[in-house]
């Protein structure tokens, strides 16, 4: 029997909608509380289980680094909607830009009639992407859509069918991007067959490289080159790579790996695609994560933080590559929606304003390392603290080994959730806790969250 949840009953947000959200962790009830549990019971009767849930609380307000749930609990947000609200939840400039655009028009479809916002976002992204060459940008809706279109563009440009991706990669949930994604469960289970012409090369993952961290880069590059020769360089259109792997475990590749991939792809006429969907737009302390390596890819895919919570993605790249596709070959009904473009321009203004948020990302890394790196020696279960900027993670392994320990990682995350700190797990073996706080989070709020996390790690050892 359906259990209806009243929609007219006053909520925690109704009473305080005009008040600023206090940037402090406050627990009014257990987490999840009774109202969230009631709403979750309603959800289960109408939403399929395939849409999993990290923490079953219903959010009614969000601002900065705080989520306020239906029971009035103030939760510290170390997820940012999976790296989306990097400028903070409900940033005033983003809200104002969306409201202004909504009052003008909400949609026309850029492929039917044009509007300035789309072209302005494209201009900004062309300027941001690495390299002095002439660029073009096409806008889409989701990260997976951007990746698929990057592959389409590379195939059109090269006339070749095949794509190379890497171990631990995550590129999306559509059939093509699932084929490119490495992790089987839960993403690929039950959805085969996947598209053909996809090949997988090793990623230079120093912590788990079988012959030692010092060999990760040269041996991974040698394997990549061997794969190209085996498949045939005249068959490979693109190599798609995350400068820092996201869902795969926030893996920072060994130094020189990305530069080596660039050299090899350039030599064979293969389009190098940087998947910056999670790592890009200021998350790592640079506008794009690949800037840390000084590498200039041919195409760059961005999404997530690009529009501060509105759905928008982009492919930016060399003009001669982007212009290969004829009129009508790219697009989509909602691609480059005017509301999303307005939000993106506000986000870009914030990110490019005197480098403040990029400096905050670097400060976040400093605080995370200060609080969590001592746990490596202290607990024995933290194998590594890694990442860049506000894209940080700890990998949990069985003591004294590099064997992944997913149950303990899950236990730590659950302990954080119970104390009002929203954390996410990731990794091919689900044994990595990832930290994606908004760049606007204060030192005090972040240190509170890190204290909760550190205590949870100590309790789990």
Protein backbone atom coordinates (compact mmCIF):
# COMPACT_ATOMS: atom_id res chain seq x y z
CA UNK A 1 0.00 0.00 0.00
CA UNK A 2 1.35 3.43 -0.97
CA UNK A 3 2.43 5.65 1.92
CA UNK A 4 1.89 9.24 0.83
CA UNK A 5 4.22 11.92 2.12
CA UNK A 6 2.33 15.20 2.68
CA UNK A 7 3.61 18.00 0.50
CA UNK A 8 1.93 20.84 2.40
CA UNK A 9 3.26 20.07 5.86
CA UNK A 10 5.74 22.71 7.04
CA UNK A 11 9.35 21.58 6.66
CA UNK A 12 12.65 22.57 8.23
CA UNK A 13 13.36 24.83 5.30
CA UNK A 14 9.99 26.62 5.35
CA UNK A 15 10.63 28.18 8.74
CA UNK A 16 14.11 29.39 7.87
CA UNK A 17 13.98 29.93 4.13
CA UNK A 18 14.85 33.62 4.44
CA UNK A 19 17.68 32.97 6.90
CA UNK A 20 21.27 32.15 5.94
CA UNK A 21 22.37 28.57 6.52
CA UNK A 22 24.67 28.44 9.51
CA UNK A 23 28.01 26.98 8.42
CA UNK A 24 28.29 24.61 11.34
CA UNK A 25 27.64 20.90 11.90
CA UNK A 26 24.44 20.55 13.92
CA UNK A 27 22.79 17.23 14.81
CA UNK A 28 19.15 17.56 15.88
CA UNK A 29 18.29 13.88 15.43
CA UNK A 30 20.09 10.71 14.50
CA UNK A 31 21.18 10.52 10.83
CA UNK A 32 18.99 9.70 9.01
CA UNK A 33 16.23 11.20 11.15
CA UNK A 34 12.55 10.28 11.27
CA UNK A 35 11.40 12.66 8.54
CA UNK A 36 14.12 11.46 6.16
CA UNK A 37 13.26 7.84 6.93
CA UNK A 38 9.60 8.55 6.20
CA UNK A 39 10.47 10.20 2.91
CA UNK A 40 12.87 7.40 1.99
CA UNK A 41 10.11 4.83 2.55
CA UNK A 42 7.97 6.83 0.13
CA UNK A 43 10.82 6.97 -2.38
CA UNK A 44 11.27 3.18 -2.40
CA UNK A 45 7.68 2.75 -3.61
CA UNK A 46 8.20 4.98 -6.63
CA UNK A 47 11.91 4.90 -7.58
CA UNK A 48 13.76 1.76 -8.77
CA UNK A 49 16.54 0.32 -6.64
CA UNK A 50 18.97 0.79 -9.53
CA UNK A 51 19.37 4.38 -8.39
CA UNK A 52 21.46 3.62 -5.33
CA UNK A 53 21.90 5.96 -2.39
CA UNK A 54 24.96 6.86 -0.33
CA UNK A 55 23.12 8.44 2.60
CA UNK A 56 19.29 8.25 2.81
CA UNK A 57 18.61 11.78 3.99
CA UNK A 58 16.35 14.24 2.18
CA UNK A 59 17.97 17.65 1.75
CA UNK A 60 15.76 20.72 1.98
CA UNK A 61 18.35 23.49 1.93
CA UNK A 62 22.01 23.75 1.02
CA UNK A 63 24.50 26.58 1.17
CA UNK A 64 28.27 26.76 1.09
CA UNK A 65 29.54 23.57 2.69
CA UNK A 66 26.37 22.62 4.58
CA UNK A 67 23.37 20.46 3.66
CA UNK A 68 20.25 20.86 5.82
CA UNK A 69 18.06 17.75 5.87
CA UNK A 70 14.35 17.30 6.47
CA UNK A 71 14.95 16.85 10.21
CA UNK A 72 16.96 20.06 10.54
CA UNK A 73 20.36 18.38 10.76
CA UNK A 74 23.23 20.43 9.35
CA UNK A 75 25.55 18.03 7.52
CA UNK A 76 29.07 18.93 6.40
CA UNK A 77 29.26 18.33 2.66
CA UNK A 78 32.48 16.58 1.60
CA UNK A 79 30.86 15.39 -1.63
CA UNK A 80 29.72 18.58 -3.43
CA UNK A 81 27.17 16.51 -5.34
CA UNK A 82 30.10 14.45 -6.66
CA UNK A 83 32.36 17.42 -7.47
CA UNK A 84 29.55 19.61 -8.84
CA UNK A 85 28.96 22.45 -6.36
CA UNK A 86 32.61 23.47 -6.20
CA UNK A 87 31.75 27.15 -5.71
CA UNK A 88 29.43 26.11 -2.89
CA UNK A 89 25.82 25.00 -2.83
CA UNK A 90 23.38 27.73 -3.91
CA UNK A 91 26.11 30.27 -4.60
CA UNK A 92 24.38 33.67 -4.71
CA UNK A 93 25.92 34.64 -8.06
CA UNK A 94 24.82 31.37 -9.66
CA UNK A 95 21.30 31.65 -8.22
CA UNK A 96 20.98 35.25 -9.42
CA UNK A 97 22.21 34.38 -12.93
CA UNK A 98 19.75 31.50 -13.25
CA UNK A 99 16.86 33.60 -11.96
CA UNK A 100 17.63 36.40 -14.40
CA UNK A 101 17.88 34.02 -17.36
CA UNK A 102 14.69 32.18 -16.34
CA UNK A 103 12.81 35.46 -16.43
CA UNK A 104 14.01 36.05 -20.00
CA UNK A 105 13.59 32.55 -21.49
CA UNK A 106 14.27 29.02 -20.28
CA UNK A 107 14.81 27.23 -23.60
CA UNK A 108 14.87 27.65 -27.35
CA UNK A 109 17.39 24.94 -28.38
CA UNK A 110 20.63 26.41 -29.70
CA UNK A 111 20.28 24.37 -32.90
CA UNK A 112 17.00 26.18 -33.65
CA UNK A 113 17.62 29.78 -32.57
CA UNK A 114 20.85 31.08 -31.06
CA UNK A 115 21.56 32.96 -27.83
CA UNK A 116 24.56 34.75 -26.38
CA UNK A 117 25.09 32.56 -23.31
CA UNK A 118 26.12 29.53 -25.34
CA UNK A 119 28.69 31.43 -27.40
CA UNK A 120 30.02 33.20 -24.31
CA UNK A 121 30.59 29.93 -22.44
CA UNK A 122 32.33 28.52 -25.52
CA UNK A 123 34.57 31.58 -25.73
CA UNK A 124 35.54 31.27 -22.05
CA UNK A 125 36.31 27.56 -22.31
CA UNK A 126 38.37 28.09 -25.46
CA UNK A 127 40.49 30.54 -23.50
CA UNK A 128 40.82 28.26 -20.46
CA UNK A 129 41.83 25.08 -22.31
CA UNK A 130 45.62 24.53 -22.54
CA UNK A 131 47.51 25.54 -25.65
CA UNK A 132 47.82 28.62 -27.83
CA UNK A 133 46.17 27.03 -30.87
CA UNK A 134 42.75 28.07 -32.16
CA UNK A 135 39.94 26.20 -30.40
CA UNK A 136 36.23 25.48 -30.64
CA UNK A 137 33.75 24.32 -27.97
CA UNK A 138 30.54 22.34 -28.27
CA UNK A 139 28.19 22.19 -25.28
CA UNK A 140 26.19 19.19 -24.11
CA UNK A 141 24.34 18.12 -20.97
CA UNK A 142 26.20 15.37 -19.07
CA UNK A 143 29.77 14.21 -18.68
CA UNK A 144 29.05 10.94 -20.46
CA UNK A 145 27.53 12.87 -23.36
CA UNK A 146 30.69 14.96 -23.64
CA UNK A 147 32.88 11.83 -23.70
CA UNK A 148 30.73 10.18 -26.36
CA UNK A 149 30.89 13.28 -28.53
CA UNK A 150 34.66 13.53 -28.09
CA UNK A 151 34.92 9.98 -29.46
CA UNK A 152 32.60 10.88 -32.35
CA UNK A 153 34.71 13.92 -33.17
CA UNK A 154 37.98 11.97 -32.98
CA UNK A 155 36.59 9.27 -35.27
CA UNK A 156 35.38 11.85 -37.77
CA UNK A 157 38.76 13.60 -37.75
CA UNK A 158 40.97 10.52 -38.05
CA UNK A 159 38.71 8.19 -40.01
CA UNK A 160 39.66 5.48 -37.51
CA UNK A 161 37.28 3.37 -35.37
CA UNK A 162 39.13 2.33 -32.20
CA UNK A 163 39.53 3.95 -28.78
CA UNK A 164 42.09 3.29 -26.04
CA UNK A 165 41.15 3.79 -22.38
CA UNK A 166 42.90 2.82 -19.14
CA UNK A 167 42.65 0.54 -16.13
CA UNK A 168 40.47 1.94 -13.29
CA UNK A 169 38.87 4.45 -15.69
CA UNK A 170 35.35 5.77 -15.27
CA UNK A 171 33.77 7.66 -18.18
CA UNK A 172 30.00 7.39 -17.69
CA UNK A 173 26.85 5.23 -17.70
CA UNK A 174 25.78 5.21 -21.35
CA UNK A 175 26.58 2.05 -23.29
CA UNK A 176 29.65 3.47 -25.02
CA UNK A 177 31.03 5.08 -21.87
CA UNK A 178 30.24 1.95 -19.84
CA UNK A 179 32.31 0.03 -22.35
CA UNK A 180 35.11 2.51 -21.68
CA UNK A 181 34.65 2.28 -17.90
CA UNK A 182 36.75 -0.32 -16.08
CA UNK A 183 34.73 -1.14 -12.96
CA UNK A 184 32.30 -4.00 -13.42
CA UNK A 185 30.02 -3.88 -10.37
CA UNK A 186 27.72 -2.09 -10.08
CA UNK A 187 28.11 -0.09 -13.26
CA UNK A 188 28.36 -2.75 -15.96
CA UNK A 189 26.60 -5.71 -14.35
CA UNK A 190 23.77 -7.00 -16.53
CA UNK A 191 24.16 -4.44 -19.32
CA UNK A 192 26.37 -6.28 -21.85
CA UNK A 193 27.05 -6.43 -24.72
CA UNK A 194 28.97 -3.19 -24.96
CA UNK A 195 30.24 -1.42 -28.07
CA UNK A 196 33.31 -2.86 -29.76
CA UNK A 197 36.59 -1.19 -30.73
CA UNK A 198 37.57 -0.34 -27.14
CA UNK A 199 41.02 -1.33 -25.81
CA UNK A 200 42.38 -0.96 -22.27
CA UNK A 201 45.92 -0.03 -21.28
CA UNK A 202 47.53 0.03 -17.80
CA UNK A 203 47.34 3.26 -15.79
CA UNK A 204 50.50 4.26 -13.91
CA UNK A 205 49.13 3.61 -10.39
CA UNK A 206 52.27 3.81 -8.23
CA UNK A 207 50.83 2.34 -5.01
CA UNK A 208 49.79 -0.93 -6.63
CA UNK A 209 52.30 -1.29 -9.46
CA UNK A 210 53.36 -4.92 -9.34
CA UNK A 211 57.11 -4.34 -9.81
CA UNK A 212 57.32 -1.25 -7.58
CA UNK A 213 56.25 2.39 -7.79
CA UNK A 214 59.49 3.39 -9.52
CA UNK A 215 58.56 1.23 -12.52
CA UNK A 216 54.98 2.38 -12.91
CA UNK A 217 55.53 5.09 -15.51
CA UNK A 218 58.07 3.43 -17.84
CA UNK A 219 56.32 0.06 -17.79
CA UNK A 220 52.84 1.55 -18.26
CA UNK A 221 54.06 3.63 -21.19
CA UNK A 222 55.74 0.59 -22.72
CA UNK A 223 52.47 -1.34 -22.41
CA UNK A 224 50.55 1.53 -24.01
CA UNK A 225 52.96 1.63 -26.94
CA UNK A 226 52.78 -2.16 -27.31
CA UNK A 227 48.98 -2.05 -27.36
CA UNK A 228 49.04 0.55 -30.12
CA UNK A 229 51.39 -1.57 -32.19
CA UNK A 230 49.27 -4.68 -31.60
CA UNK A 231 46.00 -3.02 -32.61
CA UNK A 232 47.59 -0.93 -35.33
CA UNK A 233 48.10 2.83 -34.97
CA UNK A 234 46.14 3.38 -38.18
CA UNK A 235 43.05 1.99 -36.40
CA UNK A 236 43.11 4.09 -33.22
CA UNK A 237 41.16 7.34 -33.26
CA UNK A 238 41.59 8.45 -29.66
CA UNK A 239 43.15 7.77 -26.28
CA UNK A 240 40.81 8.98 -23.53
CA UNK A 241 42.41 9.55 -20.13
CA UNK A 242 41.57 11.16 -16.80
CA UNK A 243 44.45 13.37 -15.60
CA UNK A 244 43.45 12.24 -12.10
CA UNK A 245 41.19 9.22 -12.05
CA UNK A 246 37.90 9.82 -10.29
CA UNK A 247 35.67 6.84 -9.56
CA UNK A 248 38.70 4.60 -10.08
CA UNK A 249 40.17 5.84 -6.80
CA UNK A 250 41.42 9.43 -7.15
CA UNK A 251 44.62 8.04 -8.59
CA UNK A 252 47.31 10.58 -9.41
CA UNK A 253 49.46 9.01 -12.14
CA UNK A 254 53.19 8.74 -11.73
CA UNK A 255 55.12 11.83 -12.81
CA UNK A 256 55.73 11.90 -16.55
CA UNK A 257 52.97 9.44 -17.45
CA UNK A 258 50.62 11.97 -19.06
CA UNK A 259 53.51 13.61 -20.91
CA UNK A 260 54.51 10.18 -22.22
CA UNK A 261 50.97 9.47 -23.39
CA UNK A 262 50.94 12.83 -25.17
CA UNK A 263 54.22 12.08 -26.95
CA UNK A 264 53.08 8.64 -28.11
CA UNK A 265 49.65 9.78 -29.29
CA UNK A 266 51.13 12.73 -31.14
CA UNK A 267 53.65 10.49 -32.88
CA UNK A 268 50.91 8.15 -34.12
CA UNK A 269 48.31 10.79 -35.01
CA UNK A 270 45.98 9.66 -32.22
CA UNK A 271 43.67 12.27 -30.67
CA UNK A 272 44.42 12.67 -26.95
CA UNK A 273 41.23 13.36 -24.99
CA UNK A 274 41.52 14.63 -21.41
CA UNK A 275 38.47 13.61 -19.36
CA UNK A 276 38.28 16.50 -16.88
CA UNK A 277 34.66 15.83 -15.96
CA UNK A 278 35.43 15.32 -12.25
CA UNK A 279 38.91 16.81 -11.85
CA UNK A 280 38.38 19.99 -13.84
CA UNK A 281 37.06 23.49 -13.19
CA UNK A 282 39.26 24.46 -10.25
CA UNK A 283 38.92 21.26 -8.25
CA UNK A 284 42.67 20.51 -8.08
CA UNK A 285 43.91 24.07 -7.59
CA UNK A 286 44.23 24.68 -11.33
CA UNK A 287 41.39 25.33 -13.74
CA UNK A 288 42.13 21.96 -15.34
CA UNK A 289 43.98 19.09 -13.68
CA UNK A 290 46.13 18.39 -16.72
CA UNK A 291 47.77 21.79 -16.23
CA UNK A 292 49.75 20.28 -13.33
CA UNK A 293 51.58 18.16 -15.91
CA UNK A 294 52.13 20.88 -18.51
CA UNK A 295 50.45 18.68 -21.14
CA UNK A 296 48.32 20.03 -23.98
CA UNK A 297 45.69 17.49 -25.10
CA UNK A 298 43.78 17.71 -28.36
CA UNK A 299 40.32 17.62 -26.77
CA UNK A 300 39.17 18.41 -23.22
CA UNK A 301 35.85 17.24 -21.73
CA UNK A 302 34.36 19.21 -18.82
CA UNK A 303 31.10 18.95 -16.87
CA UNK A 304 30.09 18.61 -13.18
CA UNK A 305 31.46 21.84 -11.59
CA UNK A 306 31.14 23.75 -14.85
CA UNK A 307 27.66 25.11 -14.09
CA UNK A 308 27.47 24.93 -10.31
CA UNK A 309 24.66 22.37 -10.15
CA UNK A 310 22.96 22.98 -13.49
CA UNK A 311 23.41 20.27 -16.15
CA UNK A 312 26.08 21.30 -18.64
CA UNK A 313 29.10 19.67 -20.26
CA UNK A 314 31.53 20.61 -22.99
CA UNK A 315 34.05 19.35 -25.49
CA UNK A 316 36.78 21.90 -26.18
CA UNK A 317 39.53 21.28 -28.66
CA UNK A 318 41.68 22.13 -31.61
CA UNK A 319 39.69 23.95 -34.25
CA UNK A 320 40.85 21.69 -37.07
CA UNK A 321 39.60 18.65 -35.17
CA UNK A 322 36.34 20.17 -33.92
CA UNK A 323 35.43 21.55 -37.35
CA UNK A 324 35.61 18.10 -38.99
CA UNK A 325 32.01 17.26 -38.07
CA UNK A 326 29.48 18.73 -40.48
CA UNK A 327 26.43 20.81 -39.60
CA UNK A 328 23.90 18.74 -37.64
CA UNK A 329 26.44 16.14 -36.55
CA UNK A 330 26.66 17.53 -33.02
CA UNK A 331 24.04 18.83 -30.62
CA UNK A 332 21.03 17.78 -28.60
CA UNK A 333 17.72 19.29 -27.57
CA UNK A 334 18.98 20.44 -24.17
CA UNK A 335 22.65 20.80 -25.10
CA UNK A 336 23.88 24.17 -23.84
CA UNK A 337 20.56 25.05 -22.19
CA UNK A 338 20.38 28.83 -21.54
CA UNK A 339 19.84 28.43 -17.79
CA UNK A 340 22.90 26.21 -17.54
CA UNK A 341 24.96 28.61 -19.64
CA UNK A 342 24.00 31.50 -17.36
CA UNK A 343 25.05 29.45 -14.34
CA UNK A 344 28.33 28.50 -16.00
CA UNK A 345 29.24 32.11 -16.72
CA UNK A 346 28.67 32.94 -13.05
CA UNK A 347 30.80 29.96 -11.98
CA UNK A 348 33.60 30.93 -14.35
CA UNK A 349 33.52 34.49 -13.01
CA UNK A 350 33.99 33.13 -9.49
CA UNK A 351 36.77 30.73 -10.45
CA UNK A 352 38.68 33.30 -12.46
CA UNK A 353 38.26 36.13 -9.96
CA UNK A 354 41.74 36.89 -8.53
CA UNK A 355 42.59 33.18 -8.08
CA UNK A 356 40.91 33.08 -4.64
CA UNK A 357 39.06 29.79 -5.08
CA UNK A 358 42.04 28.09 -6.70
CA UNK A 359 44.11 29.14 -3.70
CA UNK A 360 41.38 27.73 -1.45
CA UNK A 361 41.67 24.38 -3.24
CA UNK A 362 45.37 24.31 -2.47
CA UNK A 363 44.67 25.26 1.15
CA UNK A 364 42.17 22.40 1.40
CA UNK A 365 44.86 19.96 0.27
CA UNK A 366 47.21 21.33 2.93
CA UNK A 367 44.63 20.83 5.68
CA UNK A 368 43.67 17.35 4.51
CA UNK A 369 47.29 16.21 4.42
CA UNK A 370 48.02 17.74 7.84
CA UNK A 371 45.09 15.94 9.47
CA UNK A 372 45.12 12.62 7.62
CA UNK A 373 48.68 11.75 6.62
CA UNK A 374 49.64 10.88 10.24
CA UNK A 375 47.02 8.11 10.04
CA UNK A 376 49.23 6.16 7.62
CA UNK A 377 51.72 5.28 10.36
CA UNK A 378 49.31 5.57 13.26
CA UNK A 379 46.62 3.13 12.12
CA UNK A 380 48.19 0.78 9.61
CA UNK A 381 45.00 0.66 7.53
CA UNK A 382 45.52 3.91 5.59
CA UNK A 383 47.77 2.84 2.74
CA UNK A 384 47.99 6.29 1.16
CA UNK A 385 46.67 9.85 1.32
CA UNK A 386 46.67 11.24 -2.20
CA UNK A 387 45.16 13.73 -4.58
CA UNK A 388 45.49 17.38 -5.54
CA UNK A 389 43.72 20.44 -4.24
CA UNK A 390 40.19 19.71 -3.11
CA UNK A 391 40.24 16.30 -4.79
CA UNK A 392 41.74 14.16 -2.03
CA UNK A 393 41.37 10.55 -0.91
CA UNK A 394 42.57 7.93 1.53
CA UNK A 395 42.96 4.32 0.47
CA UNK A 396 42.08 1.66 3.04
CA UNK A 397 43.95 -1.65 2.96
CA UNK A 398 44.43 -4.56 5.33
CA UNK A 399 47.22 -3.73 7.81
CA UNK A 400 50.72 -4.29 6.49
CA UNK A 401 49.54 -5.10 2.96
CA UNK A 402 48.30 -3.43 -0.19
CA UNK A 403 45.21 -5.66 -0.21
CA UNK A 404 42.07 -3.49 -0.58
CA UNK A 405 39.71 -3.49 2.42
CA UNK A 406 36.29 -2.39 1.15
CA UNK A 407 34.29 -3.42 4.27
CA UNK A 408 36.42 -1.19 6.51
CA UNK A 409 36.14 1.73 4.08
CA UNK A 410 32.36 1.28 4.13
CA UNK A 411 32.39 1.16 7.93
CA UNK A 412 34.38 4.41 8.13
CA UNK A 413 32.04 6.18 5.71
CA UNK A 414 28.99 5.01 7.70
CA UNK A 415 30.53 6.31 10.94
CA UNK A 416 31.08 9.71 9.30
CA UNK A 417 27.49 9.78 8.04
CA UNK A 418 26.16 9.06 11.53
CA UNK A 419 28.12 12.07 12.81
CA UNK A 420 26.82 14.40 10.10
CA UNK A 421 29.73 14.32 7.63
CA UNK A 422 28.88 13.36 4.05
CA UNK A 423 31.69 11.28 2.55
CA UNK A 424 31.84 9.09 -0.55
CA UNK A 425 33.67 5.88 -1.33
CA UNK A 426 35.19 5.00 -4.68
CA UNK A 427 37.91 2.87 -6.24
CA UNK A 428 37.91 -0.22 -8.40
CA UNK A 429 37.75 -2.24 -5.18
CA UNK A 430 35.50 0.26 -3.31
CA UNK A 431 38.18 0.77 -0.65
CA UNK A 432 38.88 4.49 -1.14
CA UNK A 433 37.25 7.37 0.73
CA UNK A 434 37.16 10.47 -1.43
CA UNK A 435 36.92 14.05 -0.23
CA UNK A 436 35.35 16.65 -2.51
CA UNK A 437 34.52 19.63 -0.29
CA UNK A 438 33.30 22.83 -1.92
CA UNK A 439 36.14 25.28 -2.48
CA UNK A 440 34.39 27.85 -0.29
CA UNK A 441 34.40 25.65 2.82
CA UNK A 442 36.00 27.39 5.82
CA UNK A 443 39.05 26.02 7.58
CA UNK A 444 36.98 25.53 10.73
CA UNK A 445 34.22 23.55 9.02
CA UNK A 446 36.69 21.41 7.11
CA UNK A 447 38.77 20.70 10.21
CA UNK A 448 35.62 19.62 12.06
CA UNK A 449 34.83 17.16 9.27
CA UNK A 450 38.40 15.89 9.10
CA UNK A 451 38.37 15.31 12.85
CA UNK A 452 35.24 13.16 12.50
CA UNK A 453 36.85 11.22 9.65
CA UNK A 454 40.11 10.70 11.54
CA UNK A 455 38.24 9.44 14.60
CA UNK A 456 36.28 7.03 12.42
CA UNK A 457 39.50 5.67 10.88
CA UNK A 458 41.06 5.18 14.33
CA UNK A 459 37.96 3.40 15.59
CA UNK A 460 37.99 1.04 12.60
CA UNK A 461 41.62 -0.06 12.77
